[in-house]
Amino acid sequence: MLAALFLLLAAPAETLSPRYADCITLIEADLELGRIAAQQWVGEGGGAEARHCLSVADLKAGFPKLAAVRLEEIAQRNDAGDDYVRARLLSQAANAWLEGEEPDRAEAALNQAMALVPDSAELQLTAAKVYAAQNRWQEVVTAVSTAEDGAFVSAETYVLRGKGRFIVGAYEDAAQDVVAALTLDPTNIDALVLRGDLAQVGIDIDVFLEPSRQE
């Protein structure tokens, strides 16, 4: 989550101000001082960048709901950017709401993002997480597949799709998702747990990450 927030508005690195980079660096080095510096920057009228840096500090300090509110507010600012940027901010807000265990508010933020950029495959990664938090597993499968078609993938979302497929009994498809997740992240705990669940129903994934059915 923090890594995603650091990519302010998904903007090219050369468009970010040096002060934003310094703000993030200070948060990483000393959270308390970094959060104070971000608050001061906001107080000086630092704009969207300053508020985004503060939302990063809030999230890292253990205040995901506060971060989510800030991100939603940034998305409404005149200096936030175009619709793609606003959608990215709202997607970040949705992830923060999920971290704060508020899936309904996460879905509301996600819906706002999708209204801005309806065809974004990237937003489907967030959608998969939102739907998983609501146990809407068939929608998880669809969301991850749509994201994958758009070349947006992650170990986390492969695991979510695998879990959805496991729940509906599509074990071999779930095994393929475990293989995909472990290929990206060989130590992914959730993928390893799902691998164990599949073994219990007769689908074994060997050390070379090839699924096979045990008779």
N, C-alpha and C. Protein backbone atom coordinates (compact mmCIF):
# COMPACT_ATOMS: atom_id res chain seq x y z
N MET A 1 0.82 -1.20 0.00
CA MET A 1 0.00 0.00 0.00
C MET A 1 0.86 1.26 0.00
N LEU A 2 1.85 1.32 0.87
CA LEU A 2 2.69 2.50 0.91
C LEU A 2 3.42 2.70 -0.40
N ALA A 3 3.88 1.61 -1.00
CA ALA A 3 4.60 1.74 -2.27
C ALA A 3 3.71 2.38 -3.32
N ALA A 4 2.43 2.01 -3.32
CA ALA A 4 1.51 2.60 -4.29
C ALA A 4 1.32 4.09 -4.01
N LEU A 5 1.21 4.45 -2.75
CA LEU A 5 1.02 5.86 -2.42
C LEU A 5 2.22 6.71 -2.78
N PHE A 6 3.41 6.11 -2.72
CA PHE A 6 4.60 6.89 -3.04
C PHE A 6 4.59 7.34 -4.50
N LEU A 7 3.90 6.60 -5.36
CA LEU A 7 3.82 6.99 -6.77
C LEU A 7 2.75 8.07 -6.90
N LEU A 8 3.06 9.24 -6.42
CA LEU A 8 2.08 10.32 -6.35
C LEU A 8 1.36 10.50 -7.67
N LEU A 9 0.05 10.25 -7.63
CA LEU A 9 -0.82 10.51 -8.76
C LEU A 9 -0.39 9.75 -10.01
N ALA A 10 0.48 8.77 -9.87
CA ALA A 10 1.02 8.02 -11.00
C ALA A 10 1.75 8.93 -11.98
N ALA A 11 2.28 10.02 -11.48
CA ALA A 11 2.92 11.00 -12.35
C ALA A 11 4.35 10.58 -12.66
N PRO A 12 4.89 11.00 -13.82
CA PRO A 12 6.31 10.74 -14.11
C PRO A 12 7.18 11.38 -13.05
N ALA A 13 8.27 10.72 -12.71
CA ALA A 13 9.11 11.20 -11.61
C ALA A 13 9.58 12.64 -11.83
N GLU A 14 9.83 13.01 -13.13
CA GLU A 14 10.37 14.34 -13.36
C GLU A 14 9.35 15.44 -13.10
N THR A 15 8.04 15.09 -12.98
CA THR A 15 7.04 16.11 -12.71
C THR A 15 6.82 16.33 -11.22
N LEU A 16 7.39 15.50 -10.39
CA LEU A 16 7.23 15.65 -8.95
C LEU A 16 8.23 16.66 -8.42
N SER A 17 7.82 17.43 -7.43
CA SER A 17 8.72 18.44 -6.90
C SER A 17 9.78 17.78 -6.02
N PRO A 18 10.96 18.39 -5.95
CA PRO A 18 11.99 17.87 -5.05
C PRO A 18 11.50 17.84 -3.60
N ARG A 19 10.65 18.77 -3.24
CA ARG A 19 10.18 18.80 -1.85
C ARG A 19 9.32 17.57 -1.56
N TYR A 20 8.54 17.12 -2.53
CA TYR A 20 7.75 15.90 -2.31
C TYR A 20 8.67 14.71 -2.08
N ALA A 21 9.69 14.58 -2.91
CA ALA A 21 10.64 13.48 -2.74
C ALA A 21 11.31 13.56 -1.37
N ASP A 22 11.68 14.76 -0.96
CA ASP A 22 12.31 14.94 0.35
C ASP A 22 11.34 14.57 1.47
N CYS A 23 10.07 14.92 1.29
CA CYS A 23 9.04 14.63 2.30
C CYS A 23 8.90 13.13 2.50
N ILE A 24 8.83 12.40 1.40
CA ILE A 24 8.71 10.94 1.48
C ILE A 24 9.96 10.33 2.09
N THR A 25 11.12 10.82 1.69
CA THR A 25 12.38 10.30 2.24
C THR A 25 12.44 10.49 3.75
N LEU A 26 12.00 11.65 4.23
CA LEU A 26 12.03 11.91 5.67
C LEU A 26 11.04 11.01 6.41
N ILE A 27 9.89 10.75 5.83
CA ILE A 27 8.92 9.84 6.45
C ILE A 27 9.53 8.45 6.61
N GLU A 28 10.24 8.01 5.59
CA GLU A 28 10.88 6.70 5.65
C GLU A 28 11.99 6.66 6.70
N ALA A 29 12.70 7.76 6.85
CA ALA A 29 13.82 7.80 7.79
C ALA A 29 13.36 8.02 9.23
N ASP A 30 12.37 8.87 9.42
CA ASP A 30 11.89 9.21 10.76
C ASP A 30 10.42 9.58 10.64
N LEU A 31 9.54 8.65 10.97
CA LEU A 31 8.12 8.86 10.73
C LEU A 31 7.59 10.08 11.47
N GLU A 32 7.96 10.25 12.74
CA GLU A 32 7.43 11.36 13.52
C GLU A 32 7.83 12.71 12.92
N LEU A 33 9.12 12.85 12.62
CA LEU A 33 9.59 14.11 12.03
C LEU A 33 9.00 14.30 10.64
N GLY A 34 8.89 13.21 9.89
CA GLY A 34 8.34 13.31 8.55
C GLY A 34 6.89 13.74 8.55
N ARG A 35 6.13 13.24 9.51
CA ARG A 35 4.72 13.62 9.59
C ARG A 35 4.59 15.10 9.98
N ILE A 36 5.43 15.54 10.90
CA ILE A 36 5.42 16.95 11.28
C ILE A 36 5.77 17.83 10.08
N ALA A 37 6.79 17.41 9.33
CA ALA A 37 7.21 18.19 8.16
C ALA A 37 6.10 18.26 7.12
N ALA A 38 5.40 17.14 6.93
CA ALA A 38 4.29 17.12 5.97
C ALA A 38 3.17 18.04 6.43
N GLN A 39 2.86 18.02 7.73
CA GLN A 39 1.82 18.91 8.26
C GLN A 39 2.20 20.38 8.07
N GLN A 40 3.48 20.68 8.29
CA GLN A 40 3.95 22.05 8.10
C GLN A 40 3.81 22.47 6.64
N TRP A 41 4.15 21.56 5.74
CA TRP A 41 4.07 21.86 4.32
C TRP A 41 2.61 22.14 3.91
N VAL A 42 1.71 21.31 4.43
CA VAL A 42 0.28 21.55 4.17
C VAL A 42 -0.13 22.92 4.69
N GLY A 43 0.33 23.25 5.90
CA GLY A 43 0.00 24.54 6.50
C GLY A 43 0.53 25.72 5.71
N GLU A 44 1.59 25.48 4.96
CA GLU A 44 2.17 26.54 4.13
C GLU A 44 1.46 26.67 2.78
N GLY A 45 0.43 25.84 2.57
CA GLY A 45 -0.28 25.88 1.30
C GLY A 45 0.38 25.04 0.23
N GLY A 46 0.94 23.90 0.63
CA GLY A 46 1.71 23.06 -0.29
C GLY A 46 0.91 22.38 -1.38
N GLY A 47 -0.40 22.39 -1.31
CA GLY A 47 -1.20 21.82 -2.38
C GLY A 47 -1.32 20.31 -2.33
N ALA A 48 -1.65 19.72 -3.49
CA ALA A 48 -1.94 18.29 -3.57
C ALA A 48 -0.75 17.44 -3.16
N GLU A 49 0.44 17.83 -3.57
CA GLU A 49 1.63 17.04 -3.22
C GLU A 49 1.81 16.98 -1.70
N ALA A 50 1.68 18.12 -1.04
CA ALA A 50 1.86 18.17 0.41
C ALA A 50 0.83 17.28 1.10
N ARG A 51 -0.40 17.36 0.67
CA ARG A 51 -1.46 16.56 1.28
C ARG A 51 -1.27 15.07 1.00
N HIS A 52 -0.76 14.78 -0.18
CA HIS A 52 -0.50 13.37 -0.48
C HIS A 52 0.61 12.83 0.40
N CYS A 53 1.66 13.61 0.58
CA CYS A 53 2.74 13.19 1.46
C CYS A 53 2.22 12.96 2.88
N LEU A 54 1.33 13.85 3.32
CA LEU A 54 0.76 13.69 4.66
C LEU A 54 -0.10 12.43 4.75
N SER A 55 -0.80 12.10 3.67
CA SER A 55 -1.60 10.87 3.69
C SER A 55 -0.71 9.64 3.78
N VAL A 56 0.46 9.71 3.16
CA VAL A 56 1.42 8.61 3.28
C VAL A 56 1.86 8.47 4.73
N ALA A 57 2.16 9.61 5.36
CA ALA A 57 2.57 9.60 6.77
C ALA A 57 1.46 9.06 7.66
N ASP A 58 0.22 9.48 7.40
CA ASP A 58 -0.91 8.99 8.18
C ASP A 58 -1.03 7.47 8.08
N LEU A 59 -0.92 6.97 6.87
CA LEU A 59 -1.06 5.54 6.66
C LEU A 59 0.04 4.77 7.38
N LYS A 60 1.26 5.25 7.23
CA LYS A 60 2.39 4.56 7.87
C LYS A 60 2.30 4.66 9.39
N ALA A 61 1.69 5.73 9.90
CA ALA A 61 1.55 5.90 11.34
C ALA A 61 0.40 5.07 11.92
N GLY A 62 -0.34 4.39 11.05
CA GLY A 62 -1.43 3.53 11.53
C GLY A 62 -2.78 4.20 11.54
N PHE A 63 -2.95 5.20 10.68
CA PHE A 63 -4.23 5.90 10.57
C PHE A 63 -4.79 5.78 9.16
N PRO A 64 -5.15 4.58 8.73
CA PRO A 64 -5.59 4.40 7.34
C PRO A 64 -6.87 5.14 7.01
N LYS A 65 -7.79 5.26 7.96
CA LYS A 65 -9.05 5.96 7.67
C LYS A 65 -8.79 7.45 7.44
N LEU A 66 -7.91 8.02 8.22
CA LEU A 66 -7.55 9.43 8.04
C LEU A 66 -6.88 9.61 6.68
N ALA A 67 -6.00 8.68 6.33
CA ALA A 67 -5.35 8.74 5.02
C ALA A 67 -6.38 8.65 3.91
N ALA A 68 -7.36 7.77 4.07
CA ALA A 68 -8.40 7.61 3.05
C ALA A 68 -9.18 8.89 2.85
N VAL A 69 -9.56 9.54 3.95
CA VAL A 69 -10.30 10.79 3.86
C VAL A 69 -9.47 11.84 3.14
N ARG A 70 -8.20 11.93 3.50
CA ARG A 70 -7.33 12.92 2.86
C ARG A 70 -7.23 12.65 1.36
N LEU A 71 -7.07 11.40 0.97
CA LEU A 71 -6.93 11.06 -0.44
C LEU A 71 -8.20 11.41 -1.22
N GLU A 72 -9.35 11.15 -0.62
CA GLU A 72 -10.60 11.53 -1.28
C GLU A 72 -10.69 13.04 -1.44
N GLU A 73 -10.24 13.76 -0.43
CA GLU A 73 -10.27 15.23 -0.50
C GLU A 73 -9.31 15.74 -1.58
N ILE A 74 -8.14 15.12 -1.67
CA ILE A 74 -7.18 15.54 -2.70
C ILE A 74 -7.78 15.37 -4.09
N ALA A 75 -8.51 14.26 -4.28
CA ALA A 75 -9.10 13.97 -5.59
C ALA A 75 -10.09 15.04 -6.03
N GLN A 76 -10.61 15.81 -5.09
CA GLN A 76 -11.58 16.86 -5.41
C GLN A 76 -10.92 18.22 -5.64
N ARG A 77 -9.62 18.30 -5.40
CA ARG A 77 -8.93 19.59 -5.52
C ARG A 77 -8.69 19.97 -6.98
N ASN A 78 -8.67 21.28 -7.24
CA ASN A 78 -8.41 21.76 -8.60
C ASN A 78 -7.01 21.42 -9.07
N ASP A 79 -6.06 21.29 -8.12
CA ASP A 79 -4.68 20.99 -8.50
C ASP A 79 -4.36 19.51 -8.45
N ALA A 80 -5.39 18.67 -8.34
CA ALA A 80 -5.14 17.23 -8.25
C ALA A 80 -4.64 16.66 -9.56
N GLY A 81 -5.16 17.15 -10.68
CA GLY A 81 -4.75 16.59 -11.97
C GLY A 81 -5.96 16.22 -12.81
N ASP A 82 -5.72 15.42 -13.86
CA ASP A 82 -6.80 15.04 -14.76
C ASP A 82 -7.61 13.87 -14.18
N ASP A 83 -8.55 13.37 -14.97
CA ASP A 83 -9.43 12.32 -14.47
C ASP A 83 -8.65 11.05 -14.12
N TYR A 84 -7.62 10.74 -14.89
CA TYR A 84 -6.82 9.55 -14.58
C TYR A 84 -6.15 9.70 -13.21
N VAL A 85 -5.61 10.86 -12.96
CA VAL A 85 -4.95 11.11 -11.68
C VAL A 85 -5.96 11.03 -10.54
N ARG A 86 -7.12 11.62 -10.73
CA ARG A 86 -8.14 11.59 -9.69
C ARG A 86 -8.60 10.16 -9.42
N ALA A 87 -8.72 9.38 -10.48
CA ALA A 87 -9.11 7.99 -10.31
C ALA A 87 -8.05 7.22 -9.54
N ARG A 88 -6.80 7.51 -9.81
CA ARG A 88 -5.71 6.85 -9.09
C ARG A 88 -5.75 7.21 -7.61
N LEU A 89 -6.03 8.47 -7.32
CA LEU A 89 -6.13 8.89 -5.92
C LEU A 89 -7.29 8.19 -5.22
N LEU A 90 -8.43 8.09 -5.90
CA LEU A 90 -9.58 7.42 -5.31
C LEU A 90 -9.32 5.93 -5.13
N SER A 91 -8.56 5.34 -6.04
CA SER A 91 -8.17 3.94 -5.89
C SER A 91 -7.29 3.77 -4.66
N GLN A 92 -6.37 4.71 -4.46
CA GLN A 92 -5.54 4.68 -3.26
C GLN A 92 -6.39 4.84 -2.02
N ALA A 93 -7.39 5.71 -2.09
CA ALA A 93 -8.30 5.88 -0.95
C ALA A 93 -9.04 4.58 -0.66
N ALA A 94 -9.47 3.89 -1.70
CA ALA A 94 -10.17 2.61 -1.51
C ALA A 94 -9.27 1.61 -0.80
N ASN A 95 -8.01 1.55 -1.19
CA ASN A 95 -7.08 0.65 -0.52
C ASN A 95 -6.88 1.04 0.94
N ALA A 96 -6.84 2.33 1.20
CA ALA A 96 -6.70 2.78 2.59
C ALA A 96 -7.94 2.42 3.40
N TRP A 97 -9.13 2.58 2.82
CA TRP A 97 -10.35 2.17 3.52
C TRP A 97 -10.33 0.68 3.81
N LEU A 98 -9.81 -0.11 2.88
CA LEU A 98 -9.72 -1.55 3.13
C LEU A 98 -8.79 -1.83 4.30
N GLU A 99 -7.68 -1.11 4.35
CA GLU A 99 -6.76 -1.31 5.47
C GLU A 99 -7.43 -0.91 6.79
N GLY A 100 -8.36 0.04 6.71
CA GLY A 100 -9.11 0.45 7.90
C GLY A 100 -10.35 -0.39 8.14
N GLU A 101 -10.48 -1.49 7.39
CA GLU A 101 -11.60 -2.43 7.53
C GLU A 101 -12.94 -1.75 7.29
N GLU A 102 -12.98 -0.97 6.24
CA GLU A 102 -14.21 -0.28 5.84
C GLU A 102 -14.49 -0.61 4.36
N PRO A 103 -14.87 -1.85 4.07
CA PRO A 103 -15.04 -2.24 2.66
C PRO A 103 -16.14 -1.47 1.92
N ASP A 104 -17.19 -1.08 2.61
CA ASP A 104 -18.26 -0.34 1.93
C ASP A 104 -17.77 1.04 1.49
N ARG A 105 -17.00 1.70 2.34
CA ARG A 105 -16.45 2.99 1.95
C ARG A 105 -15.39 2.82 0.87
N ALA A 106 -14.68 1.69 0.92
CA ALA A 106 -13.72 1.39 -0.14
C ALA A 106 -14.44 1.25 -1.48
N GLU A 107 -15.58 0.56 -1.48
CA GLU A 107 -16.33 0.38 -2.72
C GLU A 107 -16.85 1.72 -3.23
N ALA A 108 -17.28 2.60 -2.33
CA ALA A 108 -17.76 3.91 -2.75
C ALA A 108 -16.65 4.70 -3.45
N ALA A 109 -15.45 4.67 -2.88
CA ALA A 109 -14.32 5.37 -3.50
C ALA A 109 -13.97 4.73 -4.85
N LEU A 110 -14.00 3.41 -4.89
CA LEU A 110 -13.71 2.70 -6.13
C LEU A 110 -14.72 3.06 -7.21
N ASN A 111 -15.98 3.12 -6.85
CA ASN A 111 -17.01 3.46 -7.83
C ASN A 111 -16.80 4.86 -8.40
N GLN A 112 -16.38 5.78 -7.55
CA GLN A 112 -16.07 7.13 -8.04
C GLN A 112 -14.91 7.09 -9.03
N ALA A 113 -13.90 6.28 -8.71
CA ALA A 113 -12.76 6.16 -9.62
C ALA A 113 -13.17 5.58 -10.96
N MET A 114 -14.00 4.54 -10.92
CA MET A 114 -14.44 3.90 -12.15
C MET A 114 -15.34 4.81 -12.98
N ALA A 115 -16.07 5.68 -12.32
CA ALA A 115 -16.89 6.64 -13.06
C ALA A 115 -16.02 7.62 -13.84
N LEU A 116 -14.85 7.91 -13.30
CA LEU A 116 -13.93 8.83 -13.98
C LEU A 116 -13.20 8.15 -15.13
N VAL A 117 -12.78 6.90 -14.92
CA VAL A 117 -12.02 6.16 -15.93
C VAL A 117 -12.64 4.77 -16.07
N PRO A 118 -13.74 4.66 -16.79
CA PRO A 118 -14.50 3.40 -16.82
C PRO A 118 -13.74 2.20 -17.37
N ASP A 119 -12.81 2.44 -18.27
CA ASP A 119 -12.14 1.32 -18.95
C ASP A 119 -10.76 1.00 -18.37
N SER A 120 -10.48 1.48 -17.18
CA SER A 120 -9.15 1.27 -16.60
C SER A 120 -8.98 -0.15 -16.08
N ALA A 121 -8.07 -0.88 -16.70
CA ALA A 121 -7.76 -2.23 -16.21
C ALA A 121 -7.04 -2.15 -14.87
N GLU A 122 -6.28 -1.08 -14.66
CA GLU A 122 -5.54 -0.93 -13.40
C GLU A 122 -6.48 -0.88 -12.21
N LEU A 123 -7.61 -0.21 -12.37
CA LEU A 123 -8.57 -0.11 -11.26
C LEU A 123 -9.14 -1.46 -10.87
N GLN A 124 -9.09 -2.42 -11.80
CA GLN A 124 -9.61 -3.74 -11.49
C GLN A 124 -8.80 -4.45 -10.42
N LEU A 125 -7.53 -4.06 -10.27
CA LEU A 125 -6.72 -4.64 -9.18
C LEU A 125 -7.30 -4.24 -7.82
N THR A 126 -7.67 -2.97 -7.71
CA THR A 126 -8.30 -2.51 -6.47
C THR A 126 -9.68 -3.13 -6.32
N ALA A 127 -10.40 -3.22 -7.43
CA ALA A 127 -11.74 -3.82 -7.39
C ALA A 127 -11.68 -5.24 -6.83
N ALA A 128 -10.68 -6.01 -7.25
CA ALA A 128 -10.56 -7.39 -6.77
C ALA A 128 -10.41 -7.43 -5.25
N LYS A 129 -9.64 -6.49 -4.71
CA LYS A 129 -9.44 -6.46 -3.26
C LYS A 129 -10.72 -6.06 -2.54
N VAL A 130 -11.43 -5.10 -3.12
CA VAL A 130 -12.69 -4.66 -2.52
C VAL A 130 -13.70 -5.80 -2.51
N TYR A 131 -13.85 -6.48 -3.64
CA TYR A 131 -14.82 -7.57 -3.74
C TYR A 131 -14.43 -8.73 -2.82
N ALA A 132 -13.14 -8.99 -2.69
CA ALA A 132 -12.71 -10.07 -1.79
C ALA A 132 -13.07 -9.74 -0.34
N ALA A 133 -12.94 -8.48 0.04
CA ALA A 133 -13.29 -8.08 1.41
C ALA A 133 -14.77 -8.24 1.67
N GLN A 134 -15.57 -8.29 0.59
CA GLN A 134 -17.02 -8.47 0.72
C GLN A 134 -17.46 -9.89 0.36
N ASN A 135 -16.48 -10.79 0.17
CA ASN A 135 -16.77 -12.19 -0.17
C ASN A 135 -17.56 -12.33 -1.47
N ARG A 136 -17.31 -11.46 -2.41
CA ARG A 136 -17.96 -11.51 -3.73
C ARG A 136 -16.98 -12.16 -4.71
N TRP A 137 -16.83 -13.47 -4.56
CA TRP A 137 -15.71 -14.16 -5.19
C TRP A 137 -15.80 -14.26 -6.70
N GLN A 138 -16.99 -14.41 -7.26
CA GLN A 138 -17.08 -14.46 -8.71
C GLN A 138 -16.68 -13.12 -9.32
N GLU A 139 -17.02 -12.03 -8.64
CA GLU A 139 -16.61 -10.71 -9.11
C GLU A 139 -15.10 -10.52 -8.96
N VAL A 140 -14.51 -11.15 -7.95
CA VAL A 140 -13.05 -11.13 -7.81
C VAL A 140 -12.41 -11.77 -9.02
N VAL A 141 -12.92 -12.94 -9.41
CA VAL A 141 -12.36 -13.66 -10.56
C VAL A 141 -12.45 -12.79 -11.81
N THR A 142 -13.60 -12.19 -12.02
CA THR A 142 -13.79 -11.35 -13.20
C THR A 142 -12.86 -10.14 -13.18
N ALA A 143 -12.74 -9.49 -12.02
CA ALA A 143 -11.90 -8.29 -11.92
C ALA A 143 -10.44 -8.61 -12.20
N VAL A 144 -9.92 -9.69 -11.63
CA VAL A 144 -8.52 -10.03 -11.85
C VAL A 144 -8.28 -10.40 -13.31
N SER A 145 -9.22 -11.11 -13.90
CA SER A 145 -9.08 -11.49 -15.31
C SER A 145 -9.06 -10.26 -16.20
N THR A 146 -9.89 -9.28 -15.88
CA THR A 146 -9.91 -8.04 -16.65
C THR A 146 -8.60 -7.29 -16.49
N ALA A 147 -8.09 -7.23 -15.26
CA ALA A 147 -6.80 -6.58 -15.02
C ALA A 147 -5.69 -7.29 -15.78
N GLU A 148 -5.73 -8.60 -15.76
CA GLU A 148 -4.70 -9.39 -16.45
C GLU A 148 -4.74 -9.13 -17.96
N ASP A 149 -5.93 -9.01 -18.52
CA ASP A 149 -6.06 -8.71 -19.94
C ASP A 149 -5.43 -7.36 -20.28
N GLY A 150 -5.43 -6.46 -19.32
CA GLY A 150 -4.82 -5.15 -19.52
C GLY A 150 -3.37 -5.08 -19.08
N ALA A 151 -2.78 -6.25 -18.79
CA ALA A 151 -1.36 -6.36 -18.40
C ALA A 151 -1.08 -5.80 -17.02
N PHE A 152 -2.09 -5.78 -16.17
CA PHE A 152 -1.89 -5.40 -14.77
C PHE A 152 -2.06 -6.65 -13.92
N VAL A 153 -0.97 -7.07 -13.29
CA VAL A 153 -1.01 -8.28 -12.47
C VAL A 153 -0.21 -8.05 -11.20
N SER A 154 -0.50 -8.85 -10.18
CA SER A 154 0.30 -8.85 -8.96
C SER A 154 0.11 -10.21 -8.29
N ALA A 155 1.06 -10.58 -7.46
CA ALA A 155 0.94 -11.84 -6.74
C ALA A 155 -0.32 -11.82 -5.86
N GLU A 156 -0.58 -10.68 -5.24
CA GLU A 156 -1.73 -10.56 -4.35
C GLU A 156 -3.04 -10.85 -5.08
N THR A 157 -3.21 -10.24 -6.26
CA THR A 157 -4.47 -10.43 -6.96
C THR A 157 -4.58 -11.81 -7.60
N TYR A 158 -3.46 -12.41 -7.99
CA TYR A 158 -3.51 -13.80 -8.45
C TYR A 158 -4.00 -14.71 -7.31
N VAL A 159 -3.53 -14.43 -6.11
CA VAL A 159 -3.99 -15.23 -4.97
C VAL A 159 -5.49 -15.03 -4.74
N LEU A 160 -5.95 -13.79 -4.86
CA LEU A 160 -7.37 -13.53 -4.67
C LEU A 160 -8.21 -14.28 -5.70
N ARG A 161 -7.76 -14.26 -6.96
CA ARG A 161 -8.51 -14.99 -7.98
C ARG A 161 -8.44 -16.49 -7.71
N GLY A 162 -7.27 -16.94 -7.28
CA GLY A 162 -7.14 -18.36 -6.95
C GLY A 162 -8.06 -18.77 -5.83
N LYS A 163 -8.19 -17.91 -4.82
CA LYS A 163 -9.09 -18.22 -3.71
C LYS A 163 -10.54 -18.26 -4.20
N GLY A 164 -10.89 -17.31 -5.06
CA GLY A 164 -12.24 -17.31 -5.61
C GLY A 164 -12.52 -18.58 -6.40
N ARG A 165 -11.58 -18.98 -7.21
CA ARG A 165 -11.76 -20.19 -8.00
C ARG A 165 -11.81 -21.43 -7.10
N PHE A 166 -11.01 -21.42 -6.04
CA PHE A 166 -11.05 -22.53 -5.10
C PHE A 166 -12.42 -22.63 -4.45
N ILE A 167 -12.97 -21.50 -4.06
CA ILE A 167 -14.26 -21.50 -3.37
C ILE A 167 -15.37 -22.04 -4.27
N VAL A 168 -15.30 -21.74 -5.58
CA VAL A 168 -16.35 -22.22 -6.49
C VAL A 168 -16.03 -23.60 -7.06
N GLY A 169 -14.91 -24.19 -6.60
CA GLY A 169 -14.58 -25.55 -7.01
C GLY A 169 -13.76 -25.69 -8.27
N ALA A 170 -13.25 -24.58 -8.81
CA ALA A 170 -12.40 -24.65 -10.01
C ALA A 170 -10.95 -24.82 -9.56
N TYR A 171 -10.65 -26.01 -9.05
CA TYR A 171 -9.37 -26.24 -8.38
C TYR A 171 -8.17 -26.13 -9.32
N GLU A 172 -8.27 -26.66 -10.50
CA GLU A 172 -7.12 -26.62 -11.41
C GLU A 172 -6.82 -25.18 -11.86
N ASP A 173 -7.87 -24.40 -12.09
CA ASP A 173 -7.66 -22.98 -12.41
C ASP A 173 -7.05 -22.26 -11.21
N ALA A 174 -7.50 -22.60 -10.02
CA ALA A 174 -6.93 -22.00 -8.81
C ALA A 174 -5.45 -22.34 -8.69
N ALA A 175 -5.10 -23.57 -9.06
CA ALA A 175 -3.69 -23.98 -9.01
C ALA A 175 -2.84 -23.15 -9.96
N GLN A 176 -3.39 -22.84 -11.12
CA GLN A 176 -2.64 -22.01 -12.06
C GLN A 176 -2.39 -20.62 -11.49
N ASP A 177 -3.35 -20.12 -10.73
CA ASP A 177 -3.15 -18.82 -10.09
C ASP A 177 -2.09 -18.89 -9.00
N VAL A 178 -2.05 -19.99 -8.28
CA VAL A 178 -1.00 -20.16 -7.27
C VAL A 178 0.37 -20.17 -7.95
N VAL A 179 0.47 -20.88 -9.07
CA VAL A 179 1.73 -20.91 -9.83
C VAL A 179 2.12 -19.49 -10.25
N ALA A 180 1.14 -18.74 -10.78
CA ALA A 180 1.43 -17.37 -11.22
C ALA A 180 1.87 -16.49 -10.06
N ALA A 181 1.20 -16.63 -8.91
CA ALA A 181 1.55 -15.81 -7.75
C ALA A 181 2.95 -16.14 -7.24
N LEU A 182 3.24 -17.43 -7.13
CA LEU A 182 4.55 -17.83 -6.61
C LEU A 182 5.68 -17.54 -7.60
N THR A 183 5.35 -17.49 -8.87
CA THR A 183 6.36 -17.09 -9.86
C THR A 183 6.77 -15.64 -9.64
N LEU A 184 5.78 -14.80 -9.31
CA LEU A 184 6.08 -13.39 -9.03
C LEU A 184 6.68 -13.19 -7.65
N ASP A 185 6.23 -13.98 -6.68
CA ASP A 185 6.66 -13.83 -5.29
C ASP A 185 6.74 -15.20 -4.63
N PRO A 186 7.89 -15.87 -4.72
CA PRO A 186 8.02 -17.25 -4.23
C PRO A 186 7.76 -17.43 -2.74
N THR A 187 7.79 -16.36 -1.97
CA THR A 187 7.57 -16.48 -0.52
C THR A 187 6.20 -15.93 -0.10
N ASN A 188 5.31 -15.72 -1.04
CA ASN A 188 4.00 -15.18 -0.71
C ASN A 188 3.24 -16.15 0.20
N ILE A 189 2.98 -15.73 1.42
CA ILE A 189 2.39 -16.62 2.41
C ILE A 189 0.98 -17.06 2.00
N ASP A 190 0.18 -16.13 1.49
CA ASP A 190 -1.19 -16.48 1.12
C ASP A 190 -1.21 -17.49 -0.03
N ALA A 191 -0.27 -17.35 -0.95
CA ALA A 191 -0.19 -18.32 -2.05
C ALA A 191 0.21 -19.69 -1.52
N LEU A 192 1.12 -19.72 -0.57
CA LEU A 192 1.56 -20.99 0.00
C LEU A 192 0.42 -21.65 0.79
N VAL A 193 -0.38 -20.84 1.48
CA VAL A 193 -1.53 -21.39 2.20
C VAL A 193 -2.53 -21.98 1.21
N LEU A 194 -2.80 -21.26 0.13
CA LEU A 194 -3.73 -21.77 -0.88
C LEU A 194 -3.17 -23.03 -1.54
N ARG A 195 -1.88 -23.07 -1.72
CA ARG A 195 -1.24 -24.28 -2.25
C ARG A 195 -1.53 -25.47 -1.34
N GLY A 196 -1.47 -25.24 -0.03
CA GLY A 196 -1.78 -26.31 0.92
C GLY A 196 -3.24 -26.72 0.86
N ASP A 197 -4.14 -25.74 0.70
CA ASP A 197 -5.56 -26.05 0.58
C ASP A 197 -5.83 -26.91 -0.66
N LEU A 198 -5.16 -26.58 -1.75
CA LEU A 198 -5.33 -27.35 -2.98
C LEU A 198 -4.80 -28.77 -2.82
N ALA A 199 -3.71 -28.92 -2.07
CA ALA A 199 -3.17 -30.26 -1.84
C ALA A 199 -4.19 -31.14 -1.11
N GLN A 200 -4.97 -30.53 -0.24
CA GLN A 200 -5.97 -31.29 0.51
C GLN A 200 -7.11 -31.80 -0.37
N VAL A 201 -7.32 -31.17 -1.52
CA VAL A 201 -8.37 -31.64 -2.43
C VAL A 201 -7.78 -32.38 -3.63
N GLY A 202 -6.49 -32.72 -3.52
CA GLY A 202 -5.88 -33.59 -4.52
C GLY A 202 -5.14 -32.90 -5.63
N ILE A 203 -4.94 -31.57 -5.51
CA ILE A 203 -4.17 -30.85 -6.53
C ILE A 203 -2.82 -30.49 -5.93
N ASP A 204 -1.79 -31.15 -6.39
CA ASP A 204 -0.46 -30.93 -5.83
C ASP A 204 0.35 -30.03 -6.76
N ILE A 205 1.04 -29.07 -6.18
CA ILE A 205 1.93 -28.19 -6.95
C ILE A 205 3.34 -28.49 -6.47
N ASP A 206 4.14 -29.06 -7.36
CA ASP A 206 5.47 -29.53 -6.95
C ASP A 206 6.44 -28.36 -6.87
N VAL A 207 7.68 -28.67 -6.57
CA VAL A 207 8.67 -27.64 -6.34
C VAL A 207 8.97 -26.85 -7.61
N PHE A 208 8.62 -27.39 -8.76
CA PHE A 208 8.83 -26.68 -10.02
C PHE A 208 7.59 -25.89 -10.43
N LEU A 209 6.64 -25.76 -9.51
CA LEU A 209 5.43 -24.98 -9.70
C LEU A 209 4.59 -25.49 -10.86
N GLU A 210 4.47 -26.78 -10.96
CA GLU A 210 3.59 -27.38 -11.95
C GLU A 210 2.46 -28.11 -11.25
N PRO A 211 1.21 -27.70 -11.46
CA PRO A 211 0.10 -28.38 -10.79
C PRO A 211 -0.17 -29.74 -11.41
N SER A 212 -0.53 -30.70 -10.56
CA SER A 212 -0.90 -32.02 -11.06
C SER A 212 -1.97 -32.58 -10.13
N ARG A 213 -2.88 -33.37 -10.68
CA ARG A 213 -3.94 -33.98 -9.88
C ARG A 213 -3.47 -35.32 -9.34
N GLN A 214 -3.64 -35.50 -8.02
CA GLN A 214 -3.27 -36.76 -7.40
C GLN A 214 -4.46 -37.72 -7.44
N GLU A 215 -4.24 -38.89 -7.97
CA GLU A 215 -5.32 -39.89 -8.05
C GLU A 215 -5.44 -40.64 -6.72
